[in-house]
Amino acid sequence: MSELWAHTMTWADVDPARHPFEMNADAAEELAGLVAPLLPSAEVAREDGWRSLDPVTEFLADRYGRWACGWNWSVGEGDVDGGVVEVWCCSSDSVTTPDATAPLVVEALREWRSWLEDLAERFAALTPPDNTPVASTDHWYWERACTRLVTVVADRTQAESG
């Protein structure tokens, strides 16, 4: 089900300005309680892999928006391959008991959201000033933005996997 994969989303799907999100400690605890019953057993997670987490991803996307599908897009060759979330590894390594795994899911969601907010700030900072006419042939802005964005993405993904 590719609509649950972070790498298939557009910026409109994940832009924090379009999808408000706040989570304090109480909300995080409440969310962990809601996620726990959706989690597979460790045995199922090892056997079925990332598919065993589809109910969690669907729940998060229904509750917060499609942007939440990136909660388990981990660094390296985890469940979804080559993302930025460090707190989550993969279903076979990260899923243990529901009580231990649910807070980890919440932390992974918060880390993913933090990355999106950081990325939005970077896009805003790299946008040419409103009073600067920029032609498509003015490569300075493009080169500056690409250099900085590629560098931060390579750093956050640790340049692993595809």
Protein backbone atom coordinates (compact mmCIF):
# COMPACT_ATOMS: atom_id res chain seq x y z
CA MET A 1 0.00 0.00 0.00
CA SER A 2 2.24 2.78 -1.30
CA GLU A 3 0.08 5.64 0.00
CA LEU A 4 1.41 4.78 3.46
CA TRP A 5 5.04 5.23 2.42
CA ALA A 6 6.78 8.49 3.19
CA HIS A 7 8.83 8.47 0.00
CA THR A 8 5.65 8.70 -2.12
CA MET A 9 4.47 11.96 -0.50
CA THR A 10 4.71 15.43 -1.95
CA TRP A 11 5.61 18.57 -0.03
CA ALA A 12 1.89 19.45 0.06
CA ASP A 13 1.33 16.18 1.94
CA VAL A 14 3.93 16.94 4.61
CA ASP A 15 4.20 20.75 4.80
CA PRO A 16 3.87 21.66 8.50
CA ALA A 17 2.17 24.95 7.57
CA ARG A 18 -0.71 22.97 6.06
CA HIS A 19 -0.89 20.36 8.80
CA PRO A 20 -0.79 21.79 12.34
CA PHE A 21 0.53 19.46 15.03
CA GLU A 22 1.28 19.90 18.70
CA MET A 23 2.08 17.20 21.18
CA ASN A 24 2.79 17.80 24.83
CA ALA A 25 3.65 15.08 27.35
CA ASP A 26 0.00 14.33 28.16
CA ALA A 27 -0.93 14.04 24.47
CA ALA A 28 2.09 11.78 23.88
CA GLU A 29 1.01 9.50 26.70
CA GLU A 30 -2.57 9.42 25.42
CA LEU A 31 -1.36 8.61 21.89
CA ALA A 32 0.84 5.79 23.18
CA GLY A 33 -2.21 4.33 24.87
CA LEU A 34 -4.16 4.45 21.61
CA VAL A 35 -1.31 2.97 19.56
CA ALA A 36 -0.48 0.08 21.91
CA PRO A 37 -3.49 -2.11 20.97
CA LEU A 38 -2.64 -1.68 17.26
CA LEU A 39 0.88 -3.02 17.58
CA PRO A 40 1.76 -6.55 16.47
CA SER A 41 3.51 -8.99 18.72
CA ALA A 42 7.29 -9.18 18.34
CA GLU A 43 6.89 -12.54 16.59
CA VAL A 44 4.44 -11.15 14.03
CA ALA A 45 6.66 -8.10 13.47
CA ARG A 46 9.63 -10.35 12.73
CA GLU A 47 7.59 -12.54 10.41
CA ASP A 48 5.51 -9.93 8.57
CA GLY A 49 7.94 -7.01 8.74
CA TRP A 50 6.75 -3.47 8.07
CA ARG A 51 3.32 -4.63 6.85
CA SER A 52 2.53 -5.59 10.43
CA LEU A 53 2.66 -1.86 11.28
CA ASP A 54 0.08 -0.79 8.67
CA PRO A 55 -2.67 -0.45 11.31
CA VAL A 56 -0.47 1.94 13.30
CA THR A 57 0.44 3.98 10.22
CA GLU A 58 -3.19 4.13 9.07
CA PHE A 59 -4.28 5.27 12.54
CA LEU A 60 -1.64 8.01 12.68
CA ALA A 61 -2.44 9.20 9.15
CA ASP A 62 -6.19 9.29 9.91
CA ARG A 63 -5.59 11.20 13.14
CA TYR A 64 -2.92 13.70 12.00
CA GLY A 65 -2.83 13.63 8.21
CA ARG A 66 -0.85 11.77 5.61
CA TRP A 67 2.38 13.42 6.73
CA ALA A 68 2.39 11.03 9.71
CA CYS A 69 3.12 8.09 7.38
CA GLY A 70 6.82 8.92 7.73
CA TRP A 71 6.96 8.02 11.42
CA ASN A 72 8.94 4.82 10.72
CA TRP A 73 11.06 6.04 7.80
CA SER A 74 14.27 5.09 9.52
CA VAL A 75 17.88 5.70 8.68
CA GLY A 76 19.55 2.93 6.73
CA GLU A 77 17.75 -0.12 5.49
CA GLY A 78 14.92 -0.20 8.03
CA ASP A 79 11.29 -0.91 7.24
CA VAL A 80 10.94 1.72 4.55
CA ASP A 81 14.56 2.27 3.48
CA GLY A 82 16.73 5.33 3.69
CA GLY A 83 14.88 7.86 5.83
CA VAL A 84 15.70 10.28 8.63
CA VAL A 85 14.12 8.78 11.78
CA GLU A 86 16.84 7.53 14.12
CA VAL A 87 14.75 6.41 17.11
CA TRP A 88 13.05 3.66 15.08
CA CYS A 89 15.03 0.90 13.40
CA CYS A 90 12.67 -1.62 11.83
CA SER A 91 9.70 -3.64 12.94
CA SER A 92 11.75 -6.75 13.65
CA ASP A 93 14.15 -4.84 15.94
CA SER A 94 11.93 -2.08 17.34
CA VAL A 95 8.75 -3.99 18.20
CA THR A 96 8.86 -5.68 21.59
CA THR A 97 5.92 -5.40 23.96
CA PRO A 98 3.07 -2.95 23.29
CA ASP A 99 3.87 -0.99 26.47
CA ALA A 100 7.50 -0.58 25.45
CA THR A 101 6.90 -0.06 21.72
CA ALA A 102 4.02 2.44 21.80
CA PRO A 103 6.09 5.29 23.35
CA LEU A 104 8.79 4.54 20.77
CA VAL A 105 6.22 4.98 17.98
CA VAL A 106 5.21 8.32 19.48
CA GLU A 107 8.84 9.44 19.74
CA ALA A 108 9.44 8.38 16.14
CA LEU A 109 6.41 10.41 15.03
CA ARG A 110 7.72 13.44 16.93
CA GLU A 111 11.18 13.02 15.40
CA TRP A 112 9.68 12.79 11.90
CA ARG A 113 7.61 15.92 12.55
CA SER A 114 10.66 17.75 13.87
CA TRP A 115 12.48 16.90 10.63
CA LEU A 116 9.59 18.27 8.55
CA GLU A 117 9.52 21.49 10.59
CA ASP A 118 13.29 21.85 10.24
CA LEU A 119 13.03 21.28 6.50
CA ALA A 120 10.26 23.90 6.20
CA GLU A 121 12.46 26.42 8.03
CA ARG A 122 15.32 25.65 5.66
CA PHE A 123 13.10 26.11 2.60
CA ALA A 124 11.92 29.46 3.97
CA ALA A 125 15.48 30.59 4.69
CA LEU A 126 16.63 29.60 1.20
CA THR A 127 13.81 31.33 -0.64
CA PRO A 128 15.00 34.48 -2.41
CA PRO A 129 13.81 37.71 -0.76
CA ASP A 130 10.47 38.97 -2.04
CA ASN A 131 12.08 42.04 -3.57
CA THR A 132 14.66 39.99 -5.49
CA PRO A 133 13.67 39.21 -9.07
CA VAL A 134 14.93 35.72 -9.77
CA ALA A 135 14.96 34.42 -13.31
CA SER A 136 15.15 30.73 -13.98
CA THR A 137 18.58 31.45 -15.40
CA ASP A 138 19.82 32.93 -12.10
CA HIS A 139 21.64 29.85 -10.85
CA TRP A 140 23.05 31.33 -7.64
CA TYR A 141 19.83 30.81 -5.64
CA TRP A 142 19.31 27.34 -7.08
CA GLU A 143 22.89 26.26 -6.40
CA ARG A 144 22.82 27.66 -2.86
CA ALA A 145 19.55 25.92 -2.03
CA CYS A 146 20.54 22.59 -3.59
CA THR A 147 23.92 22.57 -1.88
CA ARG A 148 22.46 23.22 1.54
CA LEU A 149 19.48 20.87 1.19
CA VAL A 150 21.45 17.97 -0.25
CA THR A 151 24.04 18.36 2.49
CA VAL A 152 21.49 18.27 5.31
CA VAL A 153 19.61 15.33 3.77
CA ALA A 154 22.84 13.37 3.33
CA ASP A 155 23.71 14.13 6.95
CA ARG A 156 20.29 13.17 8.37
CA THR A 157 20.01 9.97 6.32
CA GLN A 158 23.67 9.24 7.01
CA ALA A 159 23.87 8.73 3.23
CA GLU A 160 22.80 5.13 3.71
CA SER A 161 20.79 2.88 1.44
CA GLY A 162 19.08 4.09 -1.72
